[in-house]
C-alpha atoms as a PDB file:
ATOM      1  CA  MET A   1      97.302 110.351 119.821  1.00  0.00           C
ATOM      2  CA  PRO A   2     100.664 111.708 118.305  1.00  0.00           C
ATOM      3  CA  ARG A   3     100.988 112.887 121.812  1.00  0.00           C
ATOM      4  CA  SER A   4     100.676 109.603 122.946  1.00  0.00           C
ATOM      5  CA  ILE A   5     102.960 107.622 120.314  1.00  0.00           C
ATOM      6  CA  THR A   6     105.494 110.568 121.448  1.00  0.00           C
ATOM      7  CA  LYS A   7     105.355 109.607 125.294  1.00  0.00           C
ATOM      8  CA  PHE A   8     105.840 105.805 124.349  1.00  0.00           C
ATOM      9  CA  PHE A   9     108.895 106.671 122.472  1.00  0.00           C
ATOM     10  CA  LEU A  10     110.181 109.396 125.178  1.00  0.00           C
ATOM     11  CA  LEU A  11     109.496 106.079 127.987  1.00  0.00           C
ATOM     12  CA  ILE A  12     111.830 103.589 125.670  1.00  0.00           C
ATOM     13  CA  PHE A  13     114.658 106.304 125.396  1.00  0.00           C
ATOM     14  CA  LEU A  14     113.945 107.427 129.010  1.00  0.00           C
ATOM     15  CA  GLY A  15     114.363 103.677 129.996  1.00  0.00           C
ATOM     16  CA  ILE A  16     117.656 102.627 127.943  1.00  0.00           C
ATOM     17  CA  VAL A  17     119.404 105.537 129.776  1.00  0.00           C
ATOM     18  CA  ILE A  18     118.454 104.814 132.863  1.00  0.00           C
ATOM     19  CA  ALA A  19     119.284 101.345 132.887  1.00  0.00           C
ATOM     20  CA  GLU A  20     122.469 102.889 131.589  1.00  0.00           C
ATOM     21  CA  ALA A  21     122.932 105.536 134.083  1.00  0.00           C
ATOM     22  CA  LYS A  22     125.874 107.212 132.832  1.00  0.00           C
ATOM     23  CA  GLU A  23     125.541 110.806 132.768  1.00  0.00           C
ATOM     24  CA  ASP A  24     128.464 111.307 130.604  1.00  0.00           C
ATOM     25  CA  ASN A  25     127.370 109.374 127.747  1.00  0.00           C
ATOM     26  CA  LEU A  26     124.526 111.654 127.133  1.00  0.00           C
ATOM     27  CA  TYR A  27     124.476 113.862 124.024  1.00  0.00           C
ATOM     28  CA  PHE A  28     122.506 116.926 122.483  1.00  0.00           C
ATOM     29  CA  ARG A  29     122.222 117.063 118.931  1.00  0.00           C
ATOM     30  CA  PHE A  30     121.093 119.791 116.233  1.00  0.00           C
ATOM     31  CA  ASP A  31     120.871 119.162 112.800  1.00  0.00           C
ATOM     32  CA  ALA A  32     120.088 121.352 109.387  1.00  0.00           C
ATOM     33  CA  GLY A  33     119.909 120.652 105.744  1.00  0.00           C
ATOM     34  CA  SER A  34     117.739 119.615 102.904  1.00  0.00           C
ATOM     35  CA  ILE A  35     115.031 117.572 102.397  1.00  0.00           C
ATOM     36  CA  LYS A  36     113.219 116.791  99.208  1.00  0.00           C
ATOM     37  CA  GLN A  37     110.634 114.563  98.196  1.00  0.00           C
ATOM     38  CA  SER A  38     111.689 111.197  96.312  1.00  0.00           C
ATOM     39  CA  ASN A  39     108.653 110.024  95.164  1.00  0.00           C
ATOM     40  CA  ASN A  40     105.923 111.964  92.665  1.00  0.00           C
ATOM     41  CA  ILE A  41     102.253 112.869  94.453  1.00  0.00           C
ATOM     42  CA  ASN A  42     100.159 110.179  93.010  1.00  0.00           C
ATOM     43  CA  SER A  43      96.668 111.451  93.224  1.00  0.00           C
ATOM     44  CA  THR A  44      93.538 111.049  91.024  1.00  0.00           C
ATOM     45  CA  GLN A  45      92.129 113.792  92.564  1.00  0.00           C
ATOM     46  CA  HIS A  46      91.548 116.579  90.102  1.00  0.00           C
ATOM     47  CA  PHE A  47      93.658 118.855  91.453  1.00  0.00           C
ATOM     48  CA  TYR A  48      96.676 116.708  91.203  1.00  0.00           C
ATOM     49  CA  LYS A  49      96.406 114.881  88.421  1.00  0.00           C
ATOM     50  CA  VAL A  50      95.602 117.581  86.111  1.00  0.00           C
ATOM     51  CA  SER A  51      98.666 119.284  87.570  1.00  0.00           C
ATOM     52  CA  GLY A  52     101.091 116.471  86.786  1.00  0.00           C
ATOM     53  CA  ASN A  53     101.453 114.474  90.390  1.00  0.00           C
ATOM     54  CA  LYS A  54     104.427 116.618  90.793  1.00  0.00           C
ATOM     55  CA  LYS A  55     106.996 116.212  93.613  1.00  0.00           C
ATOM     56  CA  LEU A  56     107.171 118.778  96.444  1.00  0.00           C
ATOM     57  CA  LYS A  57     109.838 121.331  95.996  1.00  0.00           C
ATOM     58  CA  ARG A  58     113.524 121.207  98.300  1.00  0.00           C
ATOM     59  CA  ASP A  59     112.813 123.020 101.468  1.00  0.00           C
ATOM     60  CA  PHE A  60     114.928 123.635 104.602  1.00  0.00           C
ATOM     61  CA  ILE A  61     114.799 121.203 107.261  1.00  0.00           C
ATOM     62  CA  TYR A  62     116.247 121.296 110.911  1.00  0.00           C
ATOM     63  CA  VAL A  63     116.384 118.293 113.742  1.00  0.00           C
ATOM     64  CA  PHE A  64     117.679 118.967 117.715  1.00  0.00           C
ATOM     65  CA  GLY A  65     116.992 116.103 119.747  1.00  0.00           C
ATOM     66  CA  LEU A  66     118.554 114.215 122.871  1.00  0.00           C
ATOM     67  CA  GLY A  67     120.685 110.842 122.662  1.00  0.00           C
ATOM     68  CA  TYR A  68     122.644 108.271 124.623  1.00  0.00           C
ATOM     69  CA  ARG A  69     125.968 106.146 123.655  1.00  0.00           C
ATOM     70  CA  ILE A  70     125.084 102.921 125.101  1.00  0.00           C
ATOM     71  CA  ASN A  71     128.824 101.503 124.078  1.00  0.00           C
ATOM     72  CA  LYS A  72     131.431 101.958 121.910  1.00  0.00           C
ATOM     73  CA  TYR A  73     128.877 100.816 118.408  1.00  0.00           C
ATOM     74  CA  LEU A  74     125.934 101.404 119.645  1.00  0.00           C
ATOM     75  CA  ARG A  75     123.642 104.873 120.294  1.00  0.00           C
ATOM     76  CA  THR A  76     120.117 105.877 120.379  1.00  0.00           C
ATOM     77  CA  ASP A  77     118.636 109.595 120.553  1.00  0.00           C
ATOM     78  CA  LEU A  78     115.334 110.870 120.014  1.00  0.00           C
ATOM     79  CA  THR A  79     114.689 113.678 117.508  1.00  0.00           C
ATOM     80  CA  PHE A  80     112.140 116.323 116.604  1.00  0.00           C
ATOM     81  CA  SER A  81     112.675 117.623 113.019  1.00  0.00           C
ATOM     82  CA  LYS A  82     110.527 119.976 111.164  1.00  0.00           C
ATOM     83  CA  ALA A  83     110.318 121.379 107.432  1.00  0.00           C
ATOM     84  CA  ASP A  84     107.848 123.819 106.882  1.00  0.00           C
ATOM     85  CA  ASN A  85     108.192 124.988 102.823  1.00  0.00           C
ATOM     86  CA  LEU A  86     107.285 122.019 101.102  1.00  0.00           C
ATOM     87  CA  ASN A  87     105.482 123.729  97.955  1.00  0.00           C
ATOM     88  CA  TYR A  88     103.582 121.773  95.437  1.00  0.00           C
ATOM     89  CA  ILE A  89     104.157 123.581  92.076  1.00  0.00           C
ATOM     90  CA  SER A  90     102.890 123.700  88.887  1.00  0.00           C
ATOM     91  CA  SER A  91     101.937 125.572  85.843  1.00  0.00           C
ATOM     92  CA  VAL A  92      99.787 123.726  82.914  1.00  0.00           C
ATOM     93  CA  LYS A  93      98.910 125.235  79.826  1.00  0.00           C
ATOM     94  CA  SER A  94      95.795 124.424  77.965  1.00  0.00           C
ATOM     95  CA  PRO A  95      94.371 125.551  74.713  1.00  0.00           C
ATOM     96  CA  LYS A  96      91.769 127.910  76.190  1.00  0.00           C
ATOM     97  CA  ALA A  97      93.931 128.915  79.588  1.00  0.00           C
ATOM     98  CA  PHE A  98      96.896 129.191  81.422  1.00  0.00           C
ATOM     99  CA  ASN A  99      96.743 127.570  84.953  1.00  0.00           C
ATOM    100  CA  THR A 100      98.560 127.165  87.842  1.00  0.00           C
ATOM    101  CA  TYR A 101      98.871 125.396  90.836  1.00  0.00           C
ATOM    102  CA  PHE A 102     100.348 125.904  94.584  1.00  0.00           C
ATOM    103  CA  GLN A 103     100.080 124.158  97.624  1.00  0.00           C
ATOM    104  CA  ASN A 104     102.071 124.714 101.175  1.00  0.00           C
ATOM    105  CA  PHE A 105     102.992 121.206 102.746  1.00  0.00           C
ATOM    106  CA  GLU A 106     104.675 121.825 106.347  1.00  0.00           C
ATOM    107  CA  THR A 107     105.548 118.438 108.712  1.00  0.00           C
ATOM    108  CA  GLN A 108     107.147 117.418 111.490  1.00  0.00           C
ATOM    109  CA  SER A 109     108.230 114.020 112.947  1.00  0.00           C
ATOM    110  CA  THR A 110     109.382 112.620 115.819  1.00  0.00           C
ATOM    111  CA  LEU A 111     111.800 109.359 115.464  1.00  0.00           C
ATOM    112  CA  LEU A 112     113.658 107.012 118.233  1.00  0.00           C
ATOM    113  CA  ASN A 113     116.555 106.117 116.364  1.00  0.00           C
ATOM    114  CA  PHE A 114     119.361 103.704 116.659  1.00  0.00           C
ATOM    115  CA  TYR A 115     122.608 103.865 115.132  1.00  0.00           C
ATOM    116  CA  TYR A 116     125.499 101.223 114.459  1.00  0.00           C
ATOM    117  CA  ASP A 117     128.917 103.052 114.637  1.00  0.00           C
ATOM    118  CA  PHE A 118     132.257 101.822 112.634  1.00  0.00           C
ATOM    119  CA  PRO A 119     135.406 103.574 114.473  1.00  0.00           C
ATOM    120  CA  PHE A 120     137.773 102.959 112.051  1.00  0.00           C
ATOM    121  CA  ASP A 121     139.830 105.540 113.993  1.00  0.00           C
ATOM    122  CA  LYS A 122     140.085 107.915 116.640  1.00  0.00           C
ATOM    123  CA  ILE A 123     138.507 110.787 114.161  1.00  0.00           C
ATOM    124  CA  ILE A 124     136.160 109.121 111.726  1.00  0.00           C
ATOM    125  CA  SER A 125     133.179 107.069 112.351  1.00  0.00           C
ATOM    126  CA  PRO A 126     130.783 105.732 109.687  1.00  0.00           C
ATOM    127  CA  TYR A 127     127.625 104.581 110.512  1.00  0.00           C
ATOM    128  CA  ILE A 128     124.479 103.446 109.484  1.00  0.00           C
ATOM    129  CA  GLY A 129     120.881 103.431 111.436  1.00  0.00           C
ATOM    130  CA  ILE A 130     116.625 102.529 112.118  1.00  0.00           C
ATOM    131  CA  GLY A 131     114.248 104.904 113.199  1.00  0.00           C
ATOM    132  CA  ILE A 132     110.589 104.708 113.896  1.00  0.00           C
ATOM    133  CA  GLY A 133     108.052 107.130 115.038  1.00  0.00           C
ATOM    134  CA  TYR A 134     105.097 109.779 114.241  1.00  0.00           C
ATOM    135  CA  SER A 135     105.032 112.195 111.690  1.00  0.00           C
ATOM    136  CA  LYS A 136     102.591 115.524 111.143  1.00  0.00           C
ATOM    137  CA  ILE A 137     101.797 116.609 107.716  1.00  0.00           C
ATOM    138  CA  ASN A 138      99.921 119.861 107.448  1.00  0.00           C
ATOM    139  CA  PRO A 139      98.742 120.978 104.203  1.00  0.00           C
ATOM    140  CA  ASN A 140      97.726 124.544 103.722  1.00  0.00           C
ATOM    141  CA  ILE A 141      95.110 125.790 101.469  1.00  0.00           C
ATOM    142  CA  GLY A 142      95.596 124.595  97.608  1.00  0.00           C
ATOM    143  CA  ILE A 143      95.226 127.302  95.213  1.00  0.00           C
ATOM    144  CA  HIS A 144      94.173 126.743  91.565  1.00  0.00           C
ATOM    145  CA  LYS A 145      94.369 129.967  89.435  1.00  0.00           C
ATOM    146  CA  PHE A 146      93.687 130.475  85.376  1.00  0.00           C
ATOM    147  CA  LYS A 147      93.772 133.023  82.960  1.00  0.00           C
ATOM    148  CA  THR A 148      91.441 132.520  79.832  1.00  0.00           C
ATOM    149  CA  ASN A 149      93.192 133.549  76.751  1.00  0.00           C
ATOM    150  CA  SER A 150      90.179 136.380  76.507  1.00  0.00           C
ATOM    151  CA  GLY A 151      92.058 137.657  79.738  1.00  0.00           C
ATOM    152  CA  ARG A 152      88.991 136.559  82.351  1.00  0.00           C
ATOM    153  CA  GLU A 153      91.087 135.524  85.867  1.00  0.00           C
ATOM    154  CA  GLY A 154      89.498 133.391  88.305  1.00  0.00           C
ATOM    155  CA  LEU A 155      90.721 130.952  91.637  1.00  0.00           C
ATOM    156  CA  ASN A 156      89.414 127.819  93.180  1.00  0.00           C
ATOM    157  CA  LYS A 157      90.398 126.618  96.480  1.00  0.00           C
ATOM    158  CA  VAL A 158      91.216 122.737  97.903  1.00  0.00           C
ATOM    159  CA  TYR A 159      91.454 121.811 101.648  1.00  0.00           C
ATOM    160  CA  ASN A 160      93.364 119.060 102.917  1.00  0.00           C
ATOM    161  CA  LYS A 161      93.153 117.589 106.655  1.00  0.00           C
ATOM    162  CA  ILE A 162      96.157 117.124 108.922  1.00  0.00           C
ATOM    163  CA  SER A 163      97.054 113.948 109.083  1.00  0.00           C
ATOM    164  CA  ASN A 164      99.500 112.036 111.463  1.00  0.00           C
ATOM    165  CA  SER A 165     100.751 108.684 110.220  1.00  0.00           C
ATOM    166  CA  PHE A 166     103.508 106.222 111.426  1.00  0.00           C
ATOM    167  CA  SER A 167     106.964 106.958 110.126  1.00  0.00           C
ATOM    168  CA  TYR A 168     110.291 104.931 109.804  1.00  0.00           C
ATOM    169  CA  ALA A 169     113.661 106.195 108.367  1.00  0.00           C
ATOM    170  CA  LEU A 170     116.637 104.542 107.094  1.00  0.00           C
ATOM    171  CA  LEU A 171     119.818 106.494 108.437  1.00  0.00           C
ATOM    172  CA  GLY A 172     123.722 106.643 107.433  1.00  0.00           C
ATOM    173  CA  GLY A 173     126.677 109.007 107.419  1.00  0.00           C
ATOM    174  CA  PHE A 174     129.646 109.508 109.456  1.00  0.00           C
ATOM    175  CA  THR A 175     131.017 110.930 112.087  1.00  0.00           C
ATOM    176  CA  ILE A 176     133.980 113.581 112.252  1.00  0.00           C
ATOM    177  CA  LYS A 177     135.597 113.633 116.129  1.00  0.00           C
ATOM    178  CA  ALA A 178     136.721 117.368 117.197  1.00  0.00           C
ATOM    179  CA  ASN A 179     137.436 116.469 120.767  1.00  0.00           C
ATOM    180  CA  GLU A 180     135.483 115.305 123.814  1.00  0.00           C
ATOM    181  CA  LYS A 181     133.170 117.564 123.537  1.00  0.00           C
ATOM    182  CA  PHE A 182     132.617 118.099 119.998  1.00  0.00           C
ATOM    183  CA  GLU A 183     131.615 115.440 117.371  1.00  0.00           C
ATOM    184  CA  PHE A 184     130.195 116.616 113.659  1.00  0.00           C
ATOM    185  CA  ASP A 185     127.991 114.543 111.136  1.00  0.00           C
ATOM    186  CA  PHE A 186     127.559 114.237 107.870  1.00  0.00           C
ATOM    187  CA  ASN A 187     124.058 112.701 107.798  1.00  0.00           C
ATOM    188  CA  TYR A 188     121.707 110.696 104.877  1.00  0.00           C
ATOM    189  CA  LYS A 189     117.635 109.920 105.751  1.00  0.00           C
ATOM    190  CA  PHE A 190     115.284 107.898 103.626  1.00  0.00           C
ATOM    191  CA  GLN A 191     112.258 108.449 105.236  1.00  0.00           C
ATOM    192  CA  ASP A 192     108.645 107.424 104.900  1.00  0.00           C
ATOM    193  CA  PHE A 193     106.391 110.393 106.343  1.00  0.00           C
ATOM    194  CA  GLY A 194     103.481 108.028 105.898  1.00  0.00           C
ATOM    195  CA  ASN A 195      99.753 109.046 103.896  1.00  0.00           C
ATOM    196  CA  ASN A 196      98.529 112.707 103.867  1.00  0.00           C
ATOM    197  CA  ASN A 197      94.678 112.646 103.857  1.00  0.00           C
ATOM    198  CA  GLY A 198      94.311 113.942 100.379  1.00  0.00           C
ATOM    199  CA  ILE A 199      91.638 116.856  99.522  1.00  0.00           C
ATOM    200  CA  TYR A 200      87.884 116.869 101.219  1.00  0.00           C
ATOM    201  CA  LYS A 201      86.610 119.986 100.817  1.00  0.00           C
ATOM    202  CA  ILE A 202      86.561 122.484  97.457  1.00  0.00           C
ATOM    203  CA  GLU A 203      85.659 126.184  96.943  1.00  0.00           C
ATOM    204  CA  ASP A 204      85.194 126.652  93.107  1.00  0.00           C
ATOM    205  CA  PHE A 205      85.779 130.094  91.493  1.00  0.00           C
ATOM    206  CA  SER A 206      82.439 130.928  92.536  1.00  0.00           C
ATOM    207  CA  GLY A 207      82.581 130.183  95.952  1.00  0.00           C
ATOM    208  CA  ASN A 208      80.487 127.224  96.304  1.00  0.00           C
ATOM    209  CA  ILE A 209      81.811 124.839  98.752  1.00  0.00           C
ATOM    210  CA  MET A 210      81.691 121.135  97.362  1.00  0.00           C
ATOM    211  CA  SER A 211      82.837 117.990  99.889  1.00  0.00           C
ATOM    212  CA  ARG A 212      85.151 115.172  98.260  1.00  0.00           C
ATOM    213  CA  ASN A 213      86.241 111.975  99.074  1.00  0.00           C
ATOM    214  CA  PRO A 214      90.039 112.132 100.310  1.00  0.00           C
ATOM    215  CA  GLU A 215      92.449 110.057  98.850  1.00  0.00           C
ATOM    216  CA  SER A 216      95.359 109.565 100.780  1.00  0.00           C
ATOM    217  CA  PHE A 217      98.772 109.690  99.215  1.00  0.00           C
ATOM    218  CA  LYS A 218     102.863 108.675 100.591  1.00  0.00           C
ATOM    219  CA  ILE A 219     105.251 111.507 100.883  1.00  0.00           C
ATOM    220  CA  LYS A 220     108.884 110.116 101.354  1.00  0.00           C
ATOM    221  CA  ALA A 221     111.602 112.363 101.240  1.00  0.00           C
ATOM    222  CA  ASN A 222     115.592 112.324 100.789  1.00  0.00           C
ATOM    223  CA  ILE A 223     117.259 114.236 103.674  1.00  0.00           C
ATOM    224  CA  VAL A 224     120.646 115.833 103.862  1.00  0.00           C
ATOM    225  CA  THR A 225     122.022 117.623 107.006  1.00  0.00           C
ATOM    226  CA  LEU A 226     125.023 118.729 108.705  1.00  0.00           C
ATOM    227  CA  GLY A 227     124.717 118.021 112.385  1.00  0.00           C
ATOM    228  CA  VAL A 228     126.709 119.038 115.624  1.00  0.00           C
ATOM    229  CA  ARG A 229     127.174 116.627 118.788  1.00  0.00           C
ATOM    230  CA  TYR A 230     127.524 118.222 121.901  1.00  0.00           C
ATOM    231  CA  ASN A 231     128.839 115.596 124.463  1.00  0.00           C
ATOM    232  CA  PHE A 232     127.975 115.994 128.207  1.00  0.00           C
END
């Protein structure tokens, strides 16, 4: 399914480029910056609920893509982004034990973006835009560790399935033109990565495996990046 969606957006993008057929309007972009979840995880599943339904910690994200300037005001690009170290971390002290919770999330997304530029002068151009596509959320094994007041220790593990979802983004920022070949972008993006499928299996302190009914939850994020565009 994700490959089919990627091919669909690629065909749309190629259709726009072929229709315009001006090679010197093509550009390559690379961006890097910070991603931070904007919403708390909202789940009734035990692992998240008892640990406070926290937000994922801030992480590094990179983006690269190929774009095309349609005219003075409009441009479009197809981008791929990845963040592989979004961590769920929580510590909870109960009357009888100290509990820690940890889970790592990886996100990838492919978006077809459309921008409207406001060319105030020859150097600075603010812009707004929208992106649509798909995202892949890959949660690694979640770990719950505990240590009782008497010194006994243990852990259990939770397992989530990889999820693929529709994704959209709202974009804004401004561009500084260095010369005819290079432009620098200061970007803000709000992105809805769609639903994570939730926990479907637990391995308890004794190593017993128990099935669970997955309960999905949303992952939304604020993304701030600095980028460079190379115009062909």
